[in-house]
Amino acid sequence: ISKRRPRTAGIFHFVAAVVGVIGISMFYFIPAILLIVSGFM
């Protein structure tokens, strides 16, 4: 949905990054970095 609603998609990416790191810790480090960058974008 990032092309139609970029702010909503960014919030989804932030939530996914934070909850993923909480869920499985360092296993989610690389995806969290990508999702945080995408969330800021």
ModelCIF file with pLDDT and N, C-alpha, C, O atoms, coordinates in Angstrom:
data_MODEL
#
_entry.id   MODEL 
#
_entity.id                         1 
_entity.type                       polymer 
_entity.pdbx_number_of_molecules   1 
#
_entity_poly.entity_id                      1 
_entity_poly.type                           'polypeptide(L)' 
_entity_poly.nstd_linkage                   no 
_entity_poly.nstd_monomer                   no 
_entity_poly.pdbx_seq_one_letter_code       ISKRRPRTAGIFHFVAAVVGVIGISMFYFIPAILLIVSGFM 
_entity_poly.pdbx_seq_one_letter_code_can   ISKRRPRTAGIFHFVAAVVGVIGISMFYFIPAILLIVSGFM 
_entity_poly.pdbx_strand_id                 A 
#
loop_
_entity_poly_seq.entity_id 
_entity_poly_seq.num 
_entity_poly_seq.mon_id 
_entity_poly_seq.hetero 
1 1  ILE n 
1 2  SER n 
1 3  LYS n 
1 4  ARG n 
1 5  ARG n 
1 6  PRO n 
1 7  ARG n 
1 8  THR n 
1 9  ALA n 
1 10 GLY n 
1 11 ILE n 
1 12 PHE n 
1 13 HIS n 
1 14 PHE n 
1 15 VAL n 
1 16 ALA n 
1 17 ALA n 
1 18 VAL n 
1 19 VAL n 
1 20 GLY n 
1 21 VAL n 
1 22 ILE n 
1 23 GLY n 
1 24 ILE n 
1 25 SER n 
1 26 MET n 
1 27 PHE n 
1 28 TYR n 
1 29 PHE n 
1 30 ILE n 
1 31 PRO n 
1 32 ALA n 
1 33 ILE n 
1 34 LEU n 
1 35 LEU n 
1 36 ILE n 
1 37 VAL n 
1 38 SER n 
1 39 GLY n 
1 40 PHE n 
1 41 MET n 
#
_struct_asym.id          A 
_struct_asym.entity_id   1 
#
loop_
_ma_qa_metric.id 
_ma_qa_metric.mode 
_ma_qa_metric.name 
_ma_qa_metric.software_group_id 
_ma_qa_metric.type 
1 global pLDDT . pLDDT 
2 local  pLDDT . pLDDT 
#
_ma_qa_metric_global.metric_id      1 
_ma_qa_metric_global.metric_value   94.27 
_ma_qa_metric_global.model_id       1 
_ma_qa_metric_global.ordinal_id     1 
#
loop_
_ma_qa_metric_local.label_asym_id 
_ma_qa_metric_local.label_comp_id 
_ma_qa_metric_local.label_seq_id 
_ma_qa_metric_local.metric_id 
_ma_qa_metric_local.metric_value 
_ma_qa_metric_local.model_id 
_ma_qa_metric_local.ordinal_id 
A ILE 1  2 95.00 1 1  
A SER 2  2 92.00 1 2  
A LYS 3  2 91.00 1 3  
A ARG 4  2 93.00 1 4  
A ARG 5  2 93.00 1 5  
A PRO 6  2 93.00 1 6  
A ARG 7  2 94.00 1 7  
A THR 8  2 94.00 1 8  
A ALA 9  2 95.00 1 9  
A GLY 10 2 95.00 1 10 
A ILE 11 2 95.00 1 11 
A PHE 12 2 96.00 1 12 
A HIS 13 2 96.00 1 13 
A PHE 14 2 96.00 1 14 
A VAL 15 2 96.00 1 15 
A ALA 16 2 96.00 1 16 
A ALA 17 2 97.00 1 17 
A VAL 18 2 96.00 1 18 
A VAL 19 2 96.00 1 19 
A GLY 20 2 95.00 1 20 
A VAL 21 2 95.00 1 21 
A ILE 22 2 94.00 1 22 
A GLY 23 2 92.00 1 23 
A ILE 24 2 90.00 1 24 
A SER 25 2 87.00 1 25 
A MET 26 2 88.00 1 26 
A PHE 27 2 90.00 1 27 
A TYR 28 2 94.00 1 28 
A PHE 29 2 95.00 1 29 
A ILE 30 2 95.00 1 30 
A PRO 31 2 96.00 1 31 
A ALA 32 2 96.00 1 32 
A ILE 33 2 97.00 1 33 
A LEU 34 2 96.00 1 34 
A LEU 35 2 96.00 1 35 
A ILE 36 2 96.00 1 36 
A VAL 37 2 96.00 1 37 
A SER 38 2 95.00 1 38 
A GLY 39 2 95.00 1 39 
A PHE 40 2 95.00 1 40 
A MET 41 2 93.00 1 41 
#
loop_
_atom_site.group_PDB 
_atom_site.id 
_atom_site.type_symbol 
_atom_site.label_atom_id 
_atom_site.label_alt_id 
_atom_site.label_comp_id 
_atom_site.label_asym_id 
_atom_site.label_entity_id 
_atom_site.label_seq_id 
_atom_site.pdbx_PDB_ins_code 
_atom_site.Cartn_x 
_atom_site.Cartn_y 
_atom_site.Cartn_z 
_atom_site.occupancy 
_atom_site.B_iso_or_equiv 
_atom_site.pdbx_formal_charge 
_atom_site.auth_seq_id 
_atom_site.auth_comp_id 
_atom_site.auth_asym_id 
_atom_site.auth_atom_id 
_atom_site.pdbx_PDB_model_num 
ATOM 1   N N  . ILE A 1 1  ? 0.807  -1.220  0.000  1.00 95.00 ? 1  ILE A N  1 
ATOM 2   C CA . ILE A 1 1  ? 0.000  0.000   0.000  1.00 95.00 ? 1  ILE A CA 1 
ATOM 3   C C  . ILE A 1 1  ? 0.844  1.274   0.000  1.00 95.00 ? 1  ILE A C  1 
ATOM 4   O O  . ILE A 1 1  ? 0.296  2.371   0.114  1.00 95.00 ? 1  ILE A O  1 
ATOM 5   N N  . SER A 1 2  ? 2.155  1.149   -0.125 1.00 92.00 ? 2  SER A N  1 
ATOM 6   C CA . SER A 1 2  ? 3.032  2.309   0.022  1.00 92.00 ? 2  SER A CA 1 
ATOM 7   C C  . SER A 1 2  ? 2.859  3.347   -1.078 1.00 92.00 ? 2  SER A C  1 
ATOM 8   O O  . SER A 1 2  ? 3.145  4.523   -0.852 1.00 92.00 ? 2  SER A O  1 
ATOM 9   N N  . LYS A 1 3  ? 2.412  2.958   -2.234 1.00 91.00 ? 3  LYS A N  1 
ATOM 10  C CA . LYS A 1 3  ? 2.238  3.944   -3.305 1.00 91.00 ? 3  LYS A CA 1 
ATOM 11  C C  . LYS A 1 3  ? 0.985  4.789   -3.103 1.00 91.00 ? 3  LYS A C  1 
ATOM 12  O O  . LYS A 1 3  ? 0.963  5.968   -3.458 1.00 91.00 ? 3  LYS A O  1 
ATOM 13  N N  . ARG A 1 4  ? -0.053 4.188   -2.535 1.00 93.00 ? 4  ARG A N  1 
ATOM 14  C CA . ARG A 1 4  ? -1.289 4.940   -2.303 1.00 93.00 ? 4  ARG A CA 1 
ATOM 15  C C  . ARG A 1 4  ? -1.283 5.678   -0.980 1.00 93.00 ? 4  ARG A C  1 
ATOM 16  O O  . ARG A 1 4  ? -1.745 6.817   -0.911 1.00 93.00 ? 4  ARG A O  1 
ATOM 17  N N  . ARG A 1 5  ? -0.778 5.063   0.062  1.00 93.00 ? 5  ARG A N  1 
ATOM 18  C CA . ARG A 1 5  ? -0.775 5.652   1.409  1.00 93.00 ? 5  ARG A CA 1 
ATOM 19  C C  . ARG A 1 5  ? 0.610  5.502   2.033  1.00 93.00 ? 5  ARG A C  1 
ATOM 20  O O  . ARG A 1 5  ? 0.837  4.595   2.832  1.00 93.00 ? 5  ARG A O  1 
ATOM 21  N N  . PRO A 1 6  ? 1.538  6.395   1.667  1.00 93.00 ? 6  PRO A N  1 
ATOM 22  C CA . PRO A 1 6  ? 2.915  6.229   2.155  1.00 93.00 ? 6  PRO A CA 1 
ATOM 23  C C  . PRO A 1 6  ? 3.064  6.426   3.662  1.00 93.00 ? 6  PRO A C  1 
ATOM 24  O O  . PRO A 1 6  ? 3.892  5.760   4.283  1.00 93.00 ? 6  PRO A O  1 
ATOM 25  N N  . ARG A 1 7  ? 2.296  7.311   4.256  1.00 94.00 ? 7  ARG A N  1 
ATOM 26  C CA . ARG A 1 7  ? 2.424  7.524   5.707  1.00 94.00 ? 7  ARG A CA 1 
ATOM 27  C C  . ARG A 1 7  ? 1.933  6.312   6.492  1.00 94.00 ? 7  ARG A C  1 
ATOM 28  O O  . ARG A 1 7  ? 2.562  5.900   7.466  1.00 94.00 ? 7  ARG A O  1 
ATOM 29  N N  . THR A 1 8  ? 0.828  5.753   6.071  1.00 94.00 ? 8  THR A N  1 
ATOM 30  C CA . THR A 1 8  ? 0.309  4.553   6.732  1.00 94.00 ? 8  THR A CA 1 
ATOM 31  C C  . THR A 1 8  ? 1.290  3.402   6.577  1.00 94.00 ? 8  THR A C  1 
ATOM 32  O O  . THR A 1 8  ? 1.530  2.656   7.526  1.00 94.00 ? 8  THR A O  1 
ATOM 33  N N  . ALA A 1 9  ? 1.852  3.254   5.396  1.00 95.00 ? 9  ALA A N  1 
ATOM 34  C CA . ALA A 1 9  ? 2.832  2.198   5.170  1.00 95.00 ? 9  ALA A CA 1 
ATOM 35  C C  . ALA A 1 9  ? 4.071  2.417   6.031  1.00 95.00 ? 9  ALA A C  1 
ATOM 36  O O  . ALA A 1 9  ? 4.637  1.459   6.558  1.00 95.00 ? 9  ALA A O  1 
ATOM 37  N N  . GLY A 1 10 ? 4.495  3.665   6.176  1.00 95.00 ? 10 GLY A N  1 
ATOM 38  C CA . GLY A 1 10 ? 5.640  3.967   7.028  1.00 95.00 ? 10 GLY A CA 1 
ATOM 39  C C  . GLY A 1 10 ? 5.388  3.603   8.477  1.00 95.00 ? 10 GLY A C  1 
ATOM 40  O O  . GLY A 1 10 ? 6.271  3.072   9.150  1.00 95.00 ? 10 GLY A O  1 
ATOM 41  N N  . ILE A 1 11 ? 4.190  3.886   8.959  1.00 95.00 ? 11 ILE A N  1 
ATOM 42  C CA . ILE A 1 11 ? 3.829  3.514   10.334 1.00 95.00 ? 11 ILE A CA 1 
ATOM 43  C C  . ILE A 1 11 ? 3.795  1.996   10.480 1.00 95.00 ? 11 ILE A C  1 
ATOM 44  O O  . ILE A 1 11 ? 4.253  1.462   11.490 1.00 95.00 ? 11 ILE A O  1 
ATOM 45  N N  . PHE A 1 12 ? 3.259  1.300   9.486  1.00 96.00 ? 12 PHE A N  1 
ATOM 46  C CA . PHE A 1 12 ? 3.265  -0.164  9.516  1.00 96.00 ? 12 PHE A CA 1 
ATOM 47  C C  . PHE A 1 12 ? 4.695  -0.694  9.599  1.00 96.00 ? 12 PHE A C  1 
ATOM 48  O O  . PHE A 1 12 ? 4.963  -1.650  10.327 1.00 96.00 ? 12 PHE A O  1 
ATOM 49  N N  . HIS A 1 13 ? 5.609  -0.077  8.856  1.00 96.00 ? 13 HIS A N  1 
ATOM 50  C CA . HIS A 1 13 ? 6.991  -0.539  8.860  1.00 96.00 ? 13 HIS A CA 1 
ATOM 51  C C  . HIS A 1 13 ? 7.667  -0.277  10.199 1.00 96.00 ? 13 HIS A C  1 
ATOM 52  O O  . HIS A 1 13 ? 8.432  -1.112  10.682 1.00 96.00 ? 13 HIS A O  1 
ATOM 53  N N  . PHE A 1 14 ? 7.389  0.886   10.807 1.00 96.00 ? 14 PHE A N  1 
ATOM 54  C CA . PHE A 1 14 ? 7.928  1.152   12.139 1.00 96.00 ? 14 PHE A CA 1 
ATOM 55  C C  . PHE A 1 14 ? 7.419  0.133   13.151 1.00 96.00 ? 14 PHE A C  1 
ATOM 56  O O  . PHE A 1 14 ? 8.194  -0.402  13.943 1.00 96.00 ? 14 PHE A O  1 
ATOM 57  N N  . VAL A 1 15 ? 6.122  -0.134  13.124 1.00 96.00 ? 15 VAL A N  1 
ATOM 58  C CA . VAL A 1 15 ? 5.534  -1.102  14.061 1.00 96.00 ? 15 VAL A CA 1 
ATOM 59  C C  . VAL A 1 15 ? 6.146  -2.488  13.849 1.00 96.00 ? 15 VAL A C  1 
ATOM 60  O O  . VAL A 1 15 ? 6.486  -3.179  14.809 1.00 96.00 ? 15 VAL A O  1 
ATOM 61  N N  . ALA A 1 16 ? 6.281  -2.882  12.591 1.00 96.00 ? 16 ALA A N  1 
ATOM 62  C CA . ALA A 1 16 ? 6.858  -4.196  12.302 1.00 96.00 ? 16 ALA A CA 1 
ATOM 63  C C  . ALA A 1 16 ? 8.300  -4.290  12.783 1.00 96.00 ? 16 ALA A C  1 
ATOM 64  O O  . ALA A 1 16 ? 8.708  -5.329  13.301 1.00 96.00 ? 16 ALA A O  1 
ATOM 65  N N  . ALA A 1 17 ? 9.073  -3.228  12.622 1.00 97.00 ? 17 ALA A N  1 
ATOM 66  C CA . ALA A 1 17 ? 10.469 -3.246  13.064 1.00 97.00 ? 17 ALA A CA 1 
ATOM 67  C C  . ALA A 1 17 ? 10.568 -3.365  14.582 1.00 97.00 ? 17 ALA A C  1 
ATOM 68  O O  . ALA A 1 17 ? 11.353 -4.164  15.091 1.00 97.00 ? 17 ALA A O  1 
ATOM 69  N N  . VAL A 1 18 ? 9.780  -2.577  15.302 1.00 96.00 ? 18 VAL A N  1 
ATOM 70  C CA . VAL A 1 18 ? 9.856  -2.588  16.767 1.00 96.00 ? 18 VAL A CA 1 
ATOM 71  C C  . VAL A 1 18 ? 9.360  -3.916  17.334 1.00 96.00 ? 18 VAL A C  1 
ATOM 72  O O  . VAL A 1 18 ? 10.014 -4.516  18.187 1.00 96.00 ? 18 VAL A O  1 
ATOM 73  N N  . VAL A 1 19 ? 8.211  -4.368  16.860 1.00 96.00 ? 19 VAL A N  1 
ATOM 74  C CA . VAL A 1 19 ? 7.645  -5.610  17.389 1.00 96.00 ? 19 VAL A CA 1 
ATOM 75  C C  . VAL A 1 19 ? 8.505  -6.813  16.984 1.00 96.00 ? 19 VAL A C  1 
ATOM 76  O O  . VAL A 1 19 ? 8.652  -7.756  17.761 1.00 96.00 ? 19 VAL A O  1 
ATOM 77  N N  . GLY A 1 20 ? 9.063  -6.786  15.796 1.00 95.00 ? 20 GLY A N  1 
ATOM 78  C CA . GLY A 1 20 ? 9.946  -7.880  15.375 1.00 95.00 ? 20 GLY A CA 1 
ATOM 79  C C  . GLY A 1 20 ? 11.188 -7.986  16.235 1.00 95.00 ? 20 GLY A C  1 
ATOM 80  O O  . GLY A 1 20 ? 11.606 -9.088  16.593 1.00 95.00 ? 20 GLY A O  1 
ATOM 81  N N  . VAL A 1 21 ? 11.784 -6.845  16.572 1.00 95.00 ? 21 VAL A N  1 
ATOM 82  C CA . VAL A 1 21 ? 12.962 -6.866  17.439 1.00 95.00 ? 21 VAL A CA 1 
ATOM 83  C C  . VAL A 1 21 ? 12.583 -7.330  18.839 1.00 95.00 ? 21 VAL A C  1 
ATOM 84  O O  . VAL A 1 21 ? 13.343 -8.059  19.476 1.00 95.00 ? 21 VAL A O  1 
ATOM 85  N N  . ILE A 1 22 ? 11.420 -6.915  19.323 1.00 94.00 ? 22 ILE A N  1 
ATOM 86  C CA . ILE A 1 22 ? 10.962 -7.391  20.627 1.00 94.00 ? 22 ILE A CA 1 
ATOM 87  C C  . ILE A 1 22 ? 10.700 -8.898  20.577 1.00 94.00 ? 22 ILE A C  1 
ATOM 88  O O  . ILE A 1 22 ? 11.003 -9.617  21.528 1.00 94.00 ? 22 ILE A O  1 
ATOM 89  N N  . GLY A 1 23 ? 10.137 -9.370  19.465 1.00 92.00 ? 23 GLY A N  1 
ATOM 90  C CA . GLY A 1 23 ? 9.767  -10.777 19.356 1.00 92.00 ? 23 GLY A CA 1 
ATOM 91  C C  . GLY A 1 23 ? 10.946 -11.725 19.294 1.00 92.00 ? 23 GLY A C  1 
ATOM 92  O O  . GLY A 1 23 ? 10.997 -12.698 20.047 1.00 92.00 ? 23 GLY A O  1 
ATOM 93  N N  . ILE A 1 24 ? 11.894 -11.460 18.410 1.00 90.00 ? 24 ILE A N  1 
ATOM 94  C CA . ILE A 1 24 ? 12.995 -12.418 18.249 1.00 90.00 ? 24 ILE A CA 1 
ATOM 95  C C  . ILE A 1 24 ? 14.357 -11.754 18.346 1.00 90.00 ? 24 ILE A C  1 
ATOM 96  O O  . ILE A 1 24 ? 15.356 -12.343 17.932 1.00 90.00 ? 24 ILE A O  1 
ATOM 97  N N  . SER A 1 25 ? 14.419 -10.569 18.870 1.00 87.00 ? 25 SER A N  1 
ATOM 98  C CA . SER A 1 25 ? 15.659 -9.900  19.234 1.00 87.00 ? 25 SER A CA 1 
ATOM 99  C C  . SER A 1 25 ? 16.605 -9.748  18.045 1.00 87.00 ? 25 SER A C  1 
ATOM 100 O O  . SER A 1 25 ? 16.219 -9.178  17.025 1.00 87.00 ? 25 SER A O  1 
ATOM 101 N N  . MET A 1 26 ? 17.815 -10.237 18.155 1.00 88.00 ? 26 MET A N  1 
ATOM 102 C CA . MET A 1 26 ? 18.831 -9.972  17.141 1.00 88.00 ? 26 MET A CA 1 
ATOM 103 C C  . MET A 1 26 ? 18.604 -10.722 15.828 1.00 88.00 ? 26 MET A C  1 
ATOM 104 O O  . MET A 1 26 ? 19.234 -10.392 14.823 1.00 88.00 ? 26 MET A O  1 
ATOM 105 N N  . PHE A 1 27 ? 17.734 -11.707 15.812 1.00 90.00 ? 27 PHE A N  1 
ATOM 106 C CA . PHE A 1 27 ? 17.400 -12.354 14.549 1.00 90.00 ? 27 PHE A CA 1 
ATOM 107 C C  . PHE A 1 27 ? 16.744 -11.372 13.595 1.00 90.00 ? 27 PHE A C  1 
ATOM 108 O O  . PHE A 1 27 ? 16.841 -11.538 12.379 1.00 90.00 ? 27 PHE A O  1 
ATOM 109 N N  . TYR A 1 28 ? 16.076 -10.351 14.123 1.00 94.00 ? 28 TYR A N  1 
ATOM 110 C CA . TYR A 1 28 ? 15.315 -9.406  13.316 1.00 94.00 ? 28 TYR A CA 1 
ATOM 111 C C  . TYR A 1 28 ? 16.087 -8.109  13.086 1.00 94.00 ? 28 TYR A C  1 
ATOM 112 O O  . TYR A 1 28 ? 15.488 -7.113  12.680 1.00 94.00 ? 28 TYR A O  1 
ATOM 113 N N  . PHE A 1 29 ? 17.391 -8.090  13.332 1.00 95.00 ? 29 PHE A N  1 
ATOM 114 C CA . PHE A 1 29 ? 18.165 -6.859  13.251 1.00 95.00 ? 29 PHE A CA 1 
ATOM 115 C C  . PHE A 1 29 ? 18.226 -6.295  11.832 1.00 95.00 ? 29 PHE A C  1 
ATOM 116 O O  . PHE A 1 29 ? 17.941 -5.113  11.635 1.00 95.00 ? 29 PHE A O  1 
ATOM 117 N N  . ILE A 1 30 ? 18.585 -7.098  10.855 1.00 95.00 ? 30 ILE A N  1 
ATOM 118 C CA . ILE A 1 30 ? 18.695 -6.629  9.466  1.00 95.00 ? 30 ILE A CA 1 
ATOM 119 C C  . ILE A 1 30 ? 17.332 -6.217  8.911  1.00 95.00 ? 30 ILE A C  1 
ATOM 120 O O  . ILE A 1 30 ? 17.237 -5.144  8.315  1.00 95.00 ? 30 ILE A O  1 
ATOM 121 N N  . PRO A 1 31 ? 16.268 -7.017  9.075  1.00 96.00 ? 31 PRO A N  1 
ATOM 122 C CA . PRO A 1 31 ? 14.963 -6.544  8.609  1.00 96.00 ? 31 PRO A CA 1 
ATOM 123 C C  . PRO A 1 31 ? 14.508 -5.269  9.315  1.00 96.00 ? 31 PRO A C  1 
ATOM 124 O O  . PRO A 1 31 ? 13.853 -4.421  8.708  1.00 96.00 ? 31 PRO A O  1 
ATOM 125 N N  . ALA A 1 32 ? 14.855 -5.132  10.605 1.00 96.00 ? 32 ALA A N  1 
ATOM 126 C CA . ALA A 1 32 ? 14.454 -3.931  11.340 1.00 96.00 ? 32 ALA A CA 1 
ATOM 127 C C  . ALA A 1 32 ? 15.114 -2.694  10.758 1.00 96.00 ? 32 ALA A C  1 
ATOM 128 O O  . ALA A 1 32 ? 14.470 -1.651  10.640 1.00 96.00 ? 32 ALA A O  1 
ATOM 129 N N  . ILE A 1 33 ? 16.377 -2.789  10.395 1.00 97.00 ? 33 ILE A N  1 
ATOM 130 C CA . ILE A 1 33 ? 17.058 -1.634  9.789  1.00 97.00 ? 33 ILE A CA 1 
ATOM 131 C C  . ILE A 1 33 ? 16.392 -1.262  8.472  1.00 97.00 ? 33 ILE A C  1 
ATOM 132 O O  . ILE A 1 33 ? 16.140 -0.085  8.215  1.00 97.00 ? 33 ILE A O  1 
ATOM 133 N N  . LEU A 1 34 ? 16.109 -2.248  7.644  1.00 96.00 ? 34 LEU A N  1 
ATOM 134 C CA . LEU A 1 34 ? 15.451 -1.971  6.359  1.00 96.00 ? 34 LEU A CA 1 
ATOM 135 C C  . LEU A 1 34 ? 14.064 -1.374  6.567  1.00 96.00 ? 34 LEU A C  1 
ATOM 136 O O  . LEU A 1 34 ? 13.675 -0.446  5.859  1.00 96.00 ? 34 LEU A O  1 
ATOM 137 N N  . LEU A 1 35 ? 13.319 -1.901  7.535  1.00 96.00 ? 35 LEU A N  1 
ATOM 138 C CA . LEU A 1 35 ? 11.972 -1.396  7.769  1.00 96.00 ? 35 LEU A CA 1 
ATOM 139 C C  . LEU A 1 35 ? 11.978 -0.001  8.388  1.00 96.00 ? 35 LEU A C  1 
ATOM 140 O O  . LEU A 1 35 ? 11.087 0.799   8.105  1.00 96.00 ? 35 LEU A O  1 
ATOM 141 N N  . ILE A 1 36 ? 12.961 0.300   9.222  1.00 96.00 ? 36 ILE A N  1 
ATOM 142 C CA . ILE A 1 36 ? 13.049 1.652   9.788  1.00 96.00 ? 36 ILE A CA 1 
ATOM 143 C C  . ILE A 1 36 ? 13.389 2.662   8.698  1.00 96.00 ? 36 ILE A C  1 
ATOM 144 O O  . ILE A 1 36 ? 12.822 3.754   8.665  1.00 96.00 ? 36 ILE A O  1 
ATOM 145 N N  . VAL A 1 37 ? 14.308 2.306   7.809  1.00 96.00 ? 37 VAL A N  1 
ATOM 146 C CA . VAL A 1 37 ? 14.636 3.193   6.687  1.00 96.00 ? 37 VAL A CA 1 
ATOM 147 C C  . VAL A 1 37 ? 13.399 3.417   5.818  1.00 96.00 ? 37 VAL A C  1 
ATOM 148 O O  . VAL A 1 37 ? 13.096 4.548   5.440  1.00 96.00 ? 37 VAL A O  1 
ATOM 149 N N  . SER A 1 38 ? 12.699 2.353   5.512  1.00 95.00 ? 38 SER A N  1 
ATOM 150 C CA . SER A 1 38 ? 11.492 2.459   4.709  1.00 95.00 ? 38 SER A CA 1 
ATOM 151 C C  . SER A 1 38 ? 10.403 3.249   5.431  1.00 95.00 ? 38 SER A C  1 
ATOM 152 O O  . SER A 1 38 ? 9.657  4.004   4.807  1.00 95.00 ? 38 SER A O  1 
ATOM 153 N N  . GLY A 1 39 ? 10.318 3.070   6.745  1.00 95.00 ? 39 GLY A N  1 
ATOM 154 C CA . GLY A 1 39 ? 9.343  3.822   7.526  1.00 95.00 ? 39 GLY A CA 1 
ATOM 155 C C  . GLY A 1 39 ? 9.626  5.311   7.499  1.00 95.00 ? 39 GLY A C  1 
ATOM 156 O O  . GLY A 1 39 ? 8.704  6.116   7.362  1.00 95.00 ? 39 GLY A O  1 
ATOM 157 N N  . PHE A 1 40 ? 10.895 5.688   7.629  1.00 95.00 ? 40 PHE A N  1 
ATOM 158 C CA . PHE A 1 40 ? 11.253 7.104   7.534  1.00 95.00 ? 40 PHE A CA 1 
ATOM 159 C C  . PHE A 1 40 ? 10.947 7.655   6.147  1.00 95.00 ? 40 PHE A C  1 
ATOM 160 O O  . PHE A 1 40 ? 10.481 8.786   6.011  1.00 95.00 ? 40 PHE A O  1 
ATOM 161 N N  . MET A 1 41 ? 11.208 6.862   5.131  1.00 93.00 ? 41 MET A N  1 
ATOM 162 C CA . MET A 1 41 ? 10.912 7.311   3.768  1.00 93.00 ? 41 MET A CA 1 
ATOM 163 C C  . MET A 1 41 ? 9.425  7.569   3.580  1.00 93.00 ? 41 MET A C  1 
ATOM 164 O O  . MET A 1 41 ? 8.997  7.953   2.492  1.00 93.00 ? 41 MET A O  1 
#
